[in-house]
Structure formats: structure tokens, C-alpha cells
Amino acid sequence: MNKLDKIELEAQRAREKIAAMQSRLKEIDGQRVEQENLQIVQQVRALKLSRDELYAFLRGGDMPAPLGGAVPTAAEPETIYSRRDRTRRHEPEDTDSTNTESEGLNNEE
């Protein structure tokens, strides 16, 4: 094997490594975008807005008053919006409904 063949072989190996690293970079970028999207979804869900309130917020940028202008107190039960029938139901405060709410929303999307 002469020097030119060795150089060509080394160049081919370098191209293969570059291709593998570019492929890995695409995977990492995809994971980053996925995590950013998950954070956005979590932040939007934390607002606890109805679809109409969320749409108004995104269109106008103004945060609507909570629950029709009423300020929720510790004694009021948490309002949960059902995506299926778009009705409100009240949960007692001592139950942890956030996990079931987020799991249900993830399954429907």
C-alpha cells in the first residue's frame, strides 16, 4: 500500500466519522426540540385556562381574569376542564388530580 492509498483510506474513515457525528447531532437536536416543546406544554397547562381563554391569551397577549374575574381562595375546590364534554367539574382539594389530568391530556393528544 503506497502513501496515496493510505491517505485515501484515512480520508474515507474521516468522512464516515463525520457522517456518524452529523447523524448523532440530528438526533440530539431532535431531543432538544422535543424537550423544549414539552416545557412549553407544561407551562401552558400550568396556566389552567380553558381553550377559549387560552386562544384569547395567545391572540391578544393579555392574561384573562381567573374564573370569570373571581379570585380563587383556599376554600374553593379546584376546577378541572374535561376535554371530552367541555364541562367543568370540581375536585376536592385534598386529592392530587394533577397527575391524572396531565396523563389524560397526554393520551388524547
PDB file of N, CA and C in Angstrom:
ATOM      1  N   MET A   1       0.852  -1.168   0.000  1.00  0.00           N
ATOM      2  CA  MET A   1       0.000   0.000   0.000  1.00  0.00           C
ATOM      3  C   MET A   1       0.905   1.241   0.000  1.00  0.00           C
ATOM      4  N   ASN A   2       0.699   2.103  -0.961  1.00  0.00           N
ATOM      5  CA  ASN A   2       1.527   3.294  -1.040  1.00  0.00           C
ATOM      6  C   ASN A   2       0.921   4.435  -0.224  1.00  0.00           C
ATOM      7  N   LYS A   3       1.603   5.556  -0.170  1.00  0.00           N
ATOM      8  CA  LYS A   3       1.172   6.688   0.642  1.00  0.00           C
ATOM      9  C   LYS A   3      -0.174   7.234   0.179  1.00  0.00           C
ATOM     10  N   LEU A   4      -0.405   7.298  -1.111  1.00  0.00           N
ATOM     11  CA  LEU A   4      -1.664   7.816  -1.635  1.00  0.00           C
ATOM     12  C   LEU A   4      -2.842   6.950  -1.191  1.00  0.00           C
ATOM     13  N   ASP A   5      -2.677   5.635  -1.202  1.00  0.00           N
ATOM     14  CA  ASP A   5      -3.738   4.728  -0.749  1.00  0.00           C
ATOM     15  C   ASP A   5      -4.037   4.931   0.738  1.00  0.00           C
ATOM     16  N   LYS A   6      -2.964   5.123   1.523  1.00  0.00           N
ATOM     17  CA  LYS A   6      -3.149   5.359   2.958  1.00  0.00           C
ATOM     18  C   LYS A   6      -3.912   6.656   3.200  1.00  0.00           C
ATOM     19  N   ILE A   7      -3.579   7.681   2.435  1.00  0.00           N
ATOM     20  CA  ILE A   7      -4.255   8.970   2.587  1.00  0.00           C
ATOM     21  C   ILE A   7      -5.726   8.841   2.201  1.00  0.00           C
ATOM     22  N   GLU A   8      -5.996   8.148   1.116  1.00  0.00           N
ATOM     23  CA  GLU A   8      -7.378   7.932   0.684  1.00  0.00           C
ATOM     24  C   GLU A   8      -8.169   7.143   1.733  1.00  0.00           C
ATOM     25  N   LEU A   9      -7.547   6.124   2.316  1.00  0.00           N
ATOM     26  CA  LEU A   9      -8.196   5.327   3.351  1.00  0.00           C
ATOM     27  C   LEU A   9      -8.495   6.187   4.577  1.00  0.00           C
ATOM     28  N   GLU A  10      -7.540   7.014   4.973  1.00  0.00           N
ATOM     29  CA  GLU A  10      -7.732   7.901   6.124  1.00  0.00           C
ATOM     30  C   GLU A  10      -8.846   8.914   5.840  1.00  0.00           C
ATOM     31  N   ALA A  11      -8.880   9.443   4.612  1.00  0.00           N
ATOM     32  CA  ALA A  11      -9.934  10.386   4.244  1.00  0.00           C
ATOM     33  C   ALA A  11     -11.301   9.713   4.289  1.00  0.00           C
ATOM     34  N   GLN A  12     -11.388   8.492   3.807  1.00  0.00           N
ATOM     35  CA  GLN A  12     -12.659   7.758   3.834  1.00  0.00           C
ATOM     36  C   GLN A  12     -13.127   7.518   5.272  1.00  0.00           C
ATOM     37  N   ARG A  13     -12.221   7.154   6.153  1.00  0.00           N
ATOM     38  CA  ARG A  13     -12.560   6.947   7.567  1.00  0.00           C
ATOM     39  C   ARG A  13     -13.052   8.250   8.194  1.00  0.00           C
ATOM     40  N   ALA A  14     -12.382   9.358   7.853  1.00  0.00           N
ATOM     41  CA  ALA A  14     -12.786  10.661   8.382  1.00  0.00           C
ATOM     42  C   ALA A  14     -14.188  11.025   7.905  1.00  0.00           C
ATOM     43  N   ARG A  15     -14.495  10.779   6.630  1.00  0.00           N
ATOM     44  CA  ARG A  15     -15.836  11.047   6.097  1.00  0.00           C
ATOM     45  C   ARG A  15     -16.889  10.205   6.817  1.00  0.00           C
ATOM     46  N   GLU A  16     -16.572   8.943   7.099  1.00  0.00           N
ATOM     47  CA  GLU A  16     -17.518   8.072   7.813  1.00  0.00           C
ATOM     48  C   GLU A  16     -17.770   8.588   9.226  1.00  0.00           C
ATOM     49  N   LYS A  17     -16.704   9.035   9.900  1.00  0.00           N
ATOM     50  CA  LYS A  17     -16.863   9.586  11.260  1.00  0.00           C
ATOM     51  C   LYS A  17     -17.698  10.858  11.225  1.00  0.00           C
ATOM     52  N   ILE A  18     -17.445  11.707  10.219  1.00  0.00           N
ATOM     53  CA  ILE A  18     -18.211  12.946  10.089  1.00  0.00           C
ATOM     54  C   ILE A  18     -19.684  12.637   9.864  1.00  0.00           C
ATOM     55  N   ALA A  19     -19.978  11.678   9.006  1.00  0.00           N
ATOM     56  CA  ALA A  19     -21.368  11.297   8.739  1.00  0.00           C
ATOM     57  C   ALA A  19     -22.037  10.770  10.005  1.00  0.00           C
ATOM     58  N   ALA A  20     -21.314   9.957  10.782  1.00  0.00           N
ATOM     59  CA  ALA A  20     -21.869   9.425  12.031  1.00  0.00           C
ATOM     60  C   ALA A  20     -22.124  10.549  13.027  1.00  0.00           C
ATOM     61  N   MET A  21     -21.206  11.500  13.116  1.00  0.00           N
ATOM     62  CA  MET A  21     -21.375  12.609  14.051  1.00  0.00           C
ATOM     63  C   MET A  21     -22.514  13.527  13.612  1.00  0.00           C
ATOM     64  N   GLN A  22     -22.684  13.738  12.305  1.00  0.00           N
ATOM     65  CA  GLN A  22     -23.800  14.546  11.830  1.00  0.00           C
ATOM     66  C   GLN A  22     -25.128  13.867  12.138  1.00  0.00           C
ATOM     67  N   SER A  23     -25.171  12.558  12.006  1.00  0.00           N
ATOM     68  CA  SER A  23     -26.371  11.814  12.338  1.00  0.00           C
ATOM     69  C   SER A  23     -26.690  11.949  13.829  1.00  0.00           C
ATOM     70  N   ARG A  24     -25.671  11.836  14.650  1.00  0.00           N
ATOM     71  CA  ARG A  24     -25.847  11.971  16.105  1.00  0.00           C
ATOM     72  C   ARG A  24     -26.307  13.388  16.457  1.00  0.00           C
ATOM     73  N   LEU A  25     -25.753  14.392  15.769  1.00  0.00           N
ATOM     74  CA  LEU A  25     -26.153  15.773  16.006  1.00  0.00           C
ATOM     75  C   LEU A  25     -27.628  15.979  15.673  1.00  0.00           C
ATOM     76  N   LYS A  26     -28.111  15.369  14.607  1.00  0.00           N
ATOM     77  CA  LYS A  26     -29.531  15.464  14.259  1.00  0.00           C
ATOM     78  C   LYS A  26     -30.397  14.845  15.346  1.00  0.00           C
ATOM     79  N   GLU A  27     -29.968  13.708  15.890  1.00  0.00           N
ATOM     80  CA  GLU A  27     -30.711  13.070  16.982  1.00  0.00           C
ATOM     81  C   GLU A  27     -30.769  13.976  18.202  1.00  0.00           C
ATOM     82  N   ILE A  28     -29.641  14.562  18.551  1.00  0.00           N
ATOM     83  CA  ILE A  28     -29.574  15.444  19.720  1.00  0.00           C
ATOM     84  C   ILE A  28     -30.447  16.671  19.512  1.00  0.00           C
ATOM     85  N   ASP A  29     -30.409  17.261  18.323  1.00  0.00           N
ATOM     86  CA  ASP A  29     -31.258  18.412  18.036  1.00  0.00           C
ATOM     87  C   ASP A  29     -32.733  18.044  18.145  1.00  0.00           C
ATOM     88  N   GLY A  30     -33.097  16.864  17.685  1.00  0.00           N
ATOM     89  CA  GLY A  30     -34.480  16.407  17.805  1.00  0.00           C
ATOM     90  C   GLY A  30     -34.900  16.252  19.261  1.00  0.00           C
ATOM     91  N   GLN A  31     -34.008  15.719  20.086  1.00  0.00           N
ATOM     92  CA  GLN A  31     -34.297  15.573  21.513  1.00  0.00           C
ATOM     93  C   GLN A  31     -34.457  16.935  22.174  1.00  0.00           C
ATOM     94  N   ARG A  32     -33.613  17.907  21.772  1.00  0.00           N
ATOM     95  CA  ARG A  32     -33.689  19.254  22.334  1.00  0.00           C
ATOM     96  C   ARG A  32     -35.028  19.895  21.983  1.00  0.00           C
ATOM     97  N   VAL A  33     -35.439  19.791  20.737  1.00  0.00           N
ATOM     98  CA  VAL A  33     -36.712  20.361  20.316  1.00  0.00           C
ATOM     99  C   VAL A  33     -37.867  19.701  21.062  1.00  0.00           C
ATOM    100  N   GLU A  34     -37.794  18.385  21.226  1.00  0.00           N
ATOM    101  CA  GLU A  34     -38.841  17.663  21.956  1.00  0.00           C
ATOM    102  C   GLU A  34     -38.939  18.159  23.397  1.00  0.00           C
ATOM    103  N   GLN A  35     -37.810  18.340  24.059  1.00  0.00           N
ATOM    104  CA  GLN A  35     -37.819  18.820  25.439  1.00  0.00           C
ATOM    105  C   GLN A  35     -38.342  20.254  25.528  1.00  0.00           C
ATOM    106  N   GLU A  36     -37.967  21.102  24.568  1.00  0.00           N
ATOM    107  CA  GLU A  36     -38.483  22.466  24.556  1.00  0.00           C
ATOM    108  C   GLU A  36     -39.996  22.455  24.402  1.00  0.00           C
ATOM    109  N   ASN A  37     -40.501  21.615  23.506  1.00  0.00           N
ATOM    110  CA  ASN A  37     -41.944  21.522  23.308  1.00  0.00           C
ATOM    111  C   ASN A  37     -42.652  21.024  24.565  1.00  0.00           C
ATOM    112  N   LEU A  38     -42.060  20.047  25.251  1.00  0.00           N
ATOM    113  CA  LEU A  38     -42.655  19.549  26.493  1.00  0.00           C
ATOM    114  C   LEU A  38     -42.709  20.645  27.553  1.00  0.00           C
ATOM    115  N   GLN A  39     -41.653  21.448  27.645  1.00  0.00           N
ATOM    116  CA  GLN A  39     -41.646  22.550  28.609  1.00  0.00           C
ATOM    117  C   GLN A  39     -42.724  23.575  28.277  1.00  0.00           C
ATOM    118  N   ILE A  40     -42.904  23.865  27.000  1.00  0.00           N
ATOM    119  CA  ILE A  40     -43.942  24.809  26.594  1.00  0.00           C
ATOM    120  C   ILE A  40     -45.321  24.272  26.969  1.00  0.00           C
ATOM    121  N   VAL A  41     -45.561  23.007  26.697  1.00  0.00           N
ATOM    122  CA  VAL A  41     -46.853  22.395  27.026  1.00  0.00           C
ATOM    123  C   VAL A  41     -47.086  22.438  28.534  1.00  0.00           C
ATOM    124  N   GLN A  42     -46.059  22.131  29.326  1.00  0.00           N
ATOM    125  CA  GLN A  42     -46.202  22.171  30.779  1.00  0.00           C
ATOM    126  C   GLN A  42     -46.515  23.577  31.274  1.00  0.00           C
ATOM    127  N   GLN A  43     -45.861  24.577  30.695  1.00  0.00           N
ATOM    128  CA  GLN A  43     -46.112  25.956  31.100  1.00  0.00           C
ATOM    129  C   GLN A  43     -47.518  26.398  30.727  1.00  0.00           C
ATOM    130  N   VAL A  44     -47.998  25.992  29.570  1.00  0.00           N
ATOM    131  CA  VAL A  44     -49.352  26.349  29.155  1.00  0.00           C
ATOM    132  C   VAL A  44     -50.370  25.662  30.056  1.00  0.00           C
ATOM    133  N   ARG A  45     -50.133  24.399  30.371  1.00  0.00           N
ATOM    134  CA  ARG A  45     -51.065  23.678  31.260  1.00  0.00           C
ATOM    135  C   ARG A  45     -51.073  24.282  32.656  1.00  0.00           C
ATOM    136  N   ALA A  46     -49.947  24.826  33.090  1.00  0.00           N
ATOM    137  CA  ALA A  46     -49.872  25.438  34.417  1.00  0.00           C
ATOM    138  C   ALA A  46     -50.769  26.669  34.505  1.00  0.00           C
ATOM    139  N   LEU A  47     -51.079  27.290  33.376  1.00  0.00           N
ATOM    140  CA  LEU A  47     -51.972  28.447  33.379  1.00  0.00           C
ATOM    141  C   LEU A  47     -53.403  28.054  33.723  1.00  0.00           C
ATOM    142  N   LYS A  48     -53.752  26.784  33.481  1.00  0.00           N
ATOM    143  CA  LYS A  48     -55.087  26.250  33.777  1.00  0.00           C
ATOM    144  C   LYS A  48     -56.179  27.098  33.139  1.00  0.00           C
ATOM    145  N   LEU A  49     -56.051  27.342  31.849  1.00  0.00           N
ATOM    146  CA  LEU A  49     -57.039  28.115  31.110  1.00  0.00           C
ATOM    147  C   LEU A  49     -57.905  27.183  30.278  1.00  0.00           C
ATOM    148  N   SER A  50     -59.136  27.604  30.030  1.00  0.00           N
ATOM    149  CA  SER A  50     -59.978  26.859  29.107  1.00  0.00           C
ATOM    150  C   SER A  50     -59.441  27.094  27.701  1.00  0.00           C
ATOM    151  N   ARG A  51     -59.937  26.352  26.745  1.00  0.00           N
ATOM    152  CA  ARG A  51     -59.484  26.527  25.360  1.00  0.00           C
ATOM    153  C   ARG A  51     -59.746  27.949  24.873  1.00  0.00           C
ATOM    154  N   ASP A  52     -60.936  28.471  25.187  1.00  0.00           N
ATOM    155  CA  ASP A  52     -61.279  29.825  24.750  1.00  0.00           C
ATOM    156  C   ASP A  52     -60.370  30.859  25.414  1.00  0.00           C
ATOM    157  N   GLU A  53     -60.114  30.693  26.697  1.00  0.00           N
ATOM    158  CA  GLU A  53     -59.224  31.621  27.405  1.00  0.00           C
ATOM    159  C   GLU A  53     -57.804  31.550  26.848  1.00  0.00           C
ATOM    160  N   LEU A  54     -57.346  30.331  26.566  1.00  0.00           N
ATOM    161  CA  LEU A  54     -56.007  30.167  26.004  1.00  0.00           C
ATOM    162  C   LEU A  54     -55.917  30.816  24.627  1.00  0.00           C
ATOM    163  N   TYR A  55     -56.941  30.607  23.814  1.00  0.00           N
ATOM    164  CA  TYR A  55     -56.950  31.202  22.482  1.00  0.00           C
ATOM    165  C   TYR A  55     -56.923  32.731  22.575  1.00  0.00           C
ATOM    166  N   ALA A  56     -57.737  33.290  23.481  1.00  0.00           N
ATOM    167  CA  ALA A  56     -57.756  34.746  23.659  1.00  0.00           C
ATOM    168  C   ALA A  56     -56.402  35.240  24.147  1.00  0.00           C
ATOM    169  N   PHE A  57     -55.785  34.498  25.037  1.00  0.00           N
ATOM    170  CA  PHE A  57     -54.468  34.873  25.549  1.00  0.00           C
ATOM    171  C   PHE A  57     -53.427  34.868  24.440  1.00  0.00           C
ATOM    172  N   LEU A  58     -53.441  33.843  23.606  1.00  0.00           N
ATOM    173  CA  LEU A  58     -52.465  33.752  22.527  1.00  0.00           C
ATOM    174  C   LEU A  58     -52.707  34.814  21.455  1.00  0.00           C
ATOM    175  N   ARG A  59     -53.950  35.157  21.216  1.00  0.00           N
ATOM    176  CA  ARG A  59     -54.261  36.169  20.201  1.00  0.00           C
ATOM    177  C   ARG A  59     -53.958  37.579  20.699  1.00  0.00           C
ATOM    178  N   GLY A  60     -54.315  37.856  21.947  1.00  0.00           N
ATOM    179  CA  GLY A  60     -54.191  39.226  22.438  1.00  0.00           C
ATOM    180  C   GLY A  60     -53.024  39.465  23.369  1.00  0.00           C
ATOM    181  N   GLY A  61     -52.515  38.416  23.962  1.00  0.00           N
ATOM    182  CA  GLY A  61     -51.391  38.554  24.878  1.00  0.00           C
ATOM    183  C   GLY A  61     -51.770  38.977  26.282  1.00  0.00           C
ATOM    184  N   ASP A  62     -53.060  39.264  26.537  1.00  0.00           N
ATOM    185  CA  ASP A  62     -53.492  39.654  27.870  1.00  0.00           C
ATOM    186  C   ASP A  62     -53.936  38.430  28.642  1.00  0.00           C
ATOM    187  N   MET A  63     -53.546  38.383  29.882  1.00  0.00           N
ATOM    188  CA  MET A  63     -53.934  37.277  30.743  1.00  0.00           C
ATOM    189  C   MET A  63     -55.355  37.523  31.229  1.00  0.00           C
ATOM    190  N   PRO A  64     -56.296  36.591  30.965  1.00  0.00           N
ATOM    191  CA  PRO A  64     -57.670  36.781  31.425  1.00  0.00           C
ATOM    192  C   PRO A  64     -57.772  36.655  32.936  1.00  0.00           C
ATOM    193  N   ALA A  65     -58.799  37.248  33.497  1.00  0.00           N
ATOM    194  CA  ALA A  65     -59.027  37.148  34.933  1.00  0.00           C
ATOM    195  C   ALA A  65     -59.384  35.711  35.270  1.00  0.00           C
ATOM    196  N   PRO A  66     -58.869  35.178  36.383  1.00  0.00           N
ATOM    197  CA  PRO A  66     -59.141  33.775  36.729  1.00  0.00           C
ATOM    198  C   PRO A  66     -60.606  33.555  37.085  1.00  0.00           C
ATOM    199  N   LEU A  67     -61.174  32.501  36.534  1.00  0.00           N
ATOM    200  CA  LEU A  67     -62.540  32.053  36.830  1.00  0.00           C
ATOM    201  C   LEU A  67     -63.554  33.184  36.728  1.00  0.00           C
ATOM    202  N   GLY A  68     -63.548  33.879  35.630  1.00  0.00           N
ATOM    203  CA  GLY A  68     -64.539  34.919  35.384  1.00  0.00           C
ATOM    204  C   GLY A  68     -64.374  36.130  36.268  1.00  0.00           C
ATOM    205  N   GLY A  69     -63.181  36.444  36.678  1.00  0.00           N
ATOM    206  CA  GLY A  69     -62.931  37.636  37.477  1.00  0.00           C
ATOM    207  C   GLY A  69     -62.858  37.366  38.968  1.00  0.00           C
ATOM    208  N   ALA A  70     -63.298  36.219  39.417  1.00  0.00           N
ATOM    209  CA  ALA A  70     -63.240  35.902  40.833  1.00  0.00           C
ATOM    210  C   ALA A  70     -61.840  35.438  41.200  1.00  0.00           C
ATOM    211  N   VAL A  71     -61.375  35.863  42.340  1.00  0.00           N
ATOM    212  CA  VAL A  71     -60.070  35.432  42.810  1.00  0.00           C
ATOM    213  C   VAL A  71     -60.272  34.167  43.626  1.00  0.00           C
ATOM    214  N   PRO A  72     -59.646  33.042  43.213  1.00  0.00           N
ATOM    215  CA  PRO A  72     -59.859  31.796  43.954  1.00  0.00           C
ATOM    216  C   PRO A  72     -59.230  31.868  45.342  1.00  0.00           C
ATOM    217  N   THR A  73     -59.938  31.302  46.298  1.00  0.00           N
ATOM    218  CA  THR A  73     -59.414  31.245  47.663  1.00  0.00           C
ATOM    219  C   THR A  73     -59.079  29.809  47.983  1.00  0.00           C
ATOM    220  N   ALA A  74     -58.464  29.608  49.126  1.00  0.00           N
ATOM    221  CA  ALA A  74     -58.054  28.259  49.522  1.00  0.00           C
ATOM    222  C   ALA A  74     -59.262  27.357  49.758  1.00  0.00           C
ATOM    223  N   ALA A  75     -60.429  27.930  50.087  1.00  0.00           N
ATOM    224  CA  ALA A  75     -61.602  27.126  50.386  1.00  0.00           C
ATOM    225  C   ALA A  75     -62.296  26.623  49.117  1.00  0.00           C
ATOM    226  N   GLU A  76     -62.033  27.266  47.969  1.00  0.00           N
ATOM    227  CA  GLU A  76     -62.699  26.850  46.738  1.00  0.00           C
ATOM    228  C   GLU A  76     -62.058  25.589  46.171  1.00  0.00           C
ATOM    229  N   PRO A  77     -62.865  24.657  45.649  1.00  0.00           N
ATOM    230  CA  PRO A  77     -62.286  23.461  45.028  1.00  0.00           C
ATOM    231  C   PRO A  77     -61.645  23.809  43.691  1.00  0.00           C
ATOM    232  N   GLU A  78     -60.711  22.984  43.283  1.00  0.00           N
ATOM    233  CA  GLU A  78     -60.021  23.192  42.009  1.00  0.00           C
ATOM    234  C   GLU A  78     -60.960  22.849  40.862  1.00  0.00           C
ATOM    235  N   THR A  79     -60.987  23.705  39.840  1.00  0.00           N
ATOM    236  CA  THR A  79     -61.823  23.467  38.671  1.00  0.00           C
ATOM    237  C   THR A  79     -61.017  22.718  37.636  1.00  0.00           C
ATOM    238  N   ILE A  80     -61.587  21.632  37.125  1.00  0.00           N
ATOM    239  CA  ILE A  80     -60.931  20.827  36.104  1.00  0.00           C
ATOM    240  C   ILE A  80     -61.820  20.839  34.875  1.00  0.00           C
ATOM    241  N   TYR A  81     -61.217  21.103  33.739  1.00  0.00           N
ATOM    242  CA  TYR A  81     -61.958  21.149  32.493  1.00  0.00           C
ATOM    243  C   TYR A  81     -61.814  19.814  31.773  1.00  0.00           C
ATOM    244  N   SER A  82     -62.923  19.242  31.402  1.00  0.00           N
ATOM    245  CA  SER A  82     -62.904  17.996  30.660  1.00  0.00           C
ATOM    246  C   SER A  82     -62.795  18.311  29.186  1.00  0.00           C
ATOM    247  N   ARG A  83     -61.857  17.662  28.498  1.00  0.00           N
ATOM    248  CA  ARG A  83     -61.677  17.909  27.073  1.00  0.00           C
ATOM    249  C   ARG A  83     -62.750  17.194  26.254  1.00  0.00           C
ATOM    250  N   ARG A  84     -63.344  16.172  26.798  1.00  0.00           N
ATOM    251  CA  ARG A  84     -64.313  15.402  26.032  1.00  0.00           C
ATOM    252  C   ARG A  84     -65.646  16.121  25.908  1.00  0.00           C
ATOM    253  N   ASP A  85     -66.204  16.512  27.076  1.00  0.00           N
ATOM    254  CA  ASP A  85     -67.535  17.115  27.011  1.00  0.00           C
ATOM    255  C   ASP A  85     -67.511  18.611  27.344  1.00  0.00           C
ATOM    256  N   ARG A  86     -66.338  19.164  27.557  1.00  0.00           N
ATOM    257  CA  ARG A  86     -66.139  20.595  27.811  1.00  0.00           C
ATOM    258  C   ARG A  86     -66.994  21.106  28.963  1.00  0.00           C
ATOM    259  N   THR A  87     -67.134  20.302  29.997  1.00  0.00           N
ATOM    260  CA  THR A  87     -67.855  20.743  31.180  1.00  0.00           C
ATOM    261  C   THR A  87     -66.870  20.876  32.319  1.00  0.00           C
ATOM    262  N   ARG A  88     -67.277  21.620  33.309  1.00  0.00           N
ATOM    263  CA  ARG A  88     -66.435  21.782  34.493  1.00  0.00           C
ATOM    264  C   ARG A  88     -66.894  20.826  35.572  1.00  0.00           C
ATOM    265  N   ARG A  89     -65.931  20.309  36.272  1.00  0.00           N
ATOM    266  CA  ARG A  89     -66.275  19.524  37.451  1.00  0.00           C
ATOM    267  C   ARG A  89     -65.314  19.927  38.550  1.00  0.00           C
ATOM    268  N   HIS A  90     -65.759  19.840  39.775  1.00  0.00           N
ATOM    269  CA  HIS A  90     -64.947  20.274  40.901  1.00  0.00           C
ATOM    270  C   HIS A  90     -64.393  19.069  41.639  1.00  0.00           C
ATOM    271  N   GLU A  91     -63.117  19.143  41.943  1.00  0.00           N
ATOM    272  CA  GLU A  91     -62.441  18.103  42.701  1.00  0.00           C
ATOM    273  C   GLU A  91     -62.199  18.618  44.115  1.00  0.00           C
ATOM    274  N   PRO A  92     -62.254  17.763  45.106  1.00  0.00           N
ATOM    275  CA  PRO A  92     -61.860  18.184  46.453  1.00  0.00           C
ATOM    276  C   PRO A  92     -60.370  18.532  46.453  1.00  0.00           C
ATOM    277  N   GLU A  93     -59.993  19.467  47.318  1.00  0.00           N
ATOM    278  CA  GLU A  93     -58.611  19.938  47.324  1.00  0.00           C
ATOM    279  C   GLU A  93     -57.611  18.900  47.806  1.00  0.00           C
ATOM    280  N   ASP A  94     -58.044  17.962  48.659  1.00  0.00           N
ATOM    281  CA  ASP A  94     -57.088  17.024  49.233  1.00  0.00           C
ATOM    282  C   ASP A  94     -56.656  15.930  48.262  1.00  0.00           C
ATOM    283  N   THR A  95     -57.290  15.789  47.102  1.00  0.00           N
ATOM    284  CA  THR A  95     -56.862  14.788  46.127  1.00  0.00           C
ATOM    285  C   THR A  95     -55.865  15.402  45.175  1.00  0.00           C
ATOM    286  N   ASP A  96     -54.952  14.593  44.684  1.00  0.00           N
ATOM    287  CA  ASP A  96     -53.947  15.061  43.739  1.00  0.00           C
ATOM    288  C   ASP A  96     -54.434  14.743  42.337  1.00  0.00           C
ATOM    289  N   SER A  97     -55.120  15.692  41.715  1.00  0.00           N
ATOM    290  CA  SER A  97     -55.695  15.460  40.396  1.00  0.00           C
ATOM    291  C   SER A  97     -54.768  15.898  39.275  1.00  0.00           C
ATOM    292  N   THR A  98     -53.634  16.508  39.615  1.00  0.00           N
ATOM    293  CA  THR A  98     -52.750  16.999  38.554  1.00  0.00           C
ATOM    294  C   THR A  98     -52.151  15.859  37.751  1.00  0.00           C
ATOM    295  N   ASN A  99     -51.804  14.749  38.374  1.00  0.00           N
ATOM    296  CA  ASN A  99     -51.210  13.646  37.629  1.00  0.00           C
ATOM    297  C   ASN A  99     -52.204  13.025  36.663  1.00  0.00           C
ATOM    298  N   THR A 100     -53.438  12.806  37.137  1.00  0.00           N
ATOM    299  CA  THR A 100     -54.414  12.192  36.255  1.00  0.00           C
ATOM    300  C   THR A 100     -54.821  13.156  35.153  1.00  0.00           C
ATOM    301  N   GLU A 101     -54.845  14.446  35.470  1.00  0.00           N
ATOM    302  CA  GLU A 101     -55.216  15.429  34.448  1.00  0.00           C
ATOM    303  C   GLU A 101     -54.176  15.464  33.351  1.00  0.00           C
ATOM    304  N   SER A 102     -52.903  15.531  33.701  1.00  0.00           N
ATOM    305  CA  SER A 102     -51.861  15.608  32.684  1.00  0.00           C
ATOM    306  C   SER A 102     -51.745  14.293  31.929  1.00  0.00           C
ATOM    307  N   GLU A 103     -51.946  13.156  32.601  1.00  0.00           N
ATOM    308  CA  GLU A 103     -51.884  11.874  31.899  1.00  0.00           C
ATOM    309  C   GLU A 103     -53.023  11.766  30.894  1.00  0.00           C
ATOM    310  N   GLY A 104     -54.203  12.225  31.284  1.00  0.00           N
ATOM    311  CA  GLY A 104     -55.344  12.158  30.394  1.00  0.00           C
ATOM    312  C   GLY A 104     -55.147  13.052  29.180  1.00  0.00           C
ATOM    313  N   LEU A 105     -54.550  14.214  29.395  1.00  0.00           N
ATOM    314  CA  LEU A 105     -54.316  15.112  28.271  1.00  0.00           C
ATOM    315  C   LEU A 105     -53.261  14.533  27.331  1.00  0.00           C
ATOM    316  N   ASN A 106     -52.250  13.879  27.873  1.00  0.00           N
ATOM    317  CA  ASN A 106     -51.210  13.312  27.024  1.00  0.00           C
ATOM    318  C   ASN A 106     -51.752  12.195  26.157  1.00  0.00           C
ATOM    319  N   ASN A 107     -52.674  11.402  26.704  1.00  0.00           N
ATOM    320  CA  ASN A 107     -53.214  10.283  25.941  1.00  0.00           C
ATOM    321  C   ASN A 107     -54.105  10.747  24.808  1.00  0.00           C
ATOM    322  N   GLU A 108     -54.726  11.926  24.950  1.00  0.00           N
ATOM    323  CA  GLU A 108     -55.667  12.396  23.942  1.00  0.00           C
ATOM    324  C   GLU A 108     -54.980  13.154  22.832  1.00  0.00           C
ATOM    325  N   GLU A 109     -53.764  13.613  23.026  1.00  0.00           N
ATOM    326  CA  GLU A 109     -53.083  14.413  22.021  1.00  0.00           C
ATOM    327  C   GLU A 109     -52.475  13.579  20.952  1.00  0.00           C
TER     328      GLU A 109
END
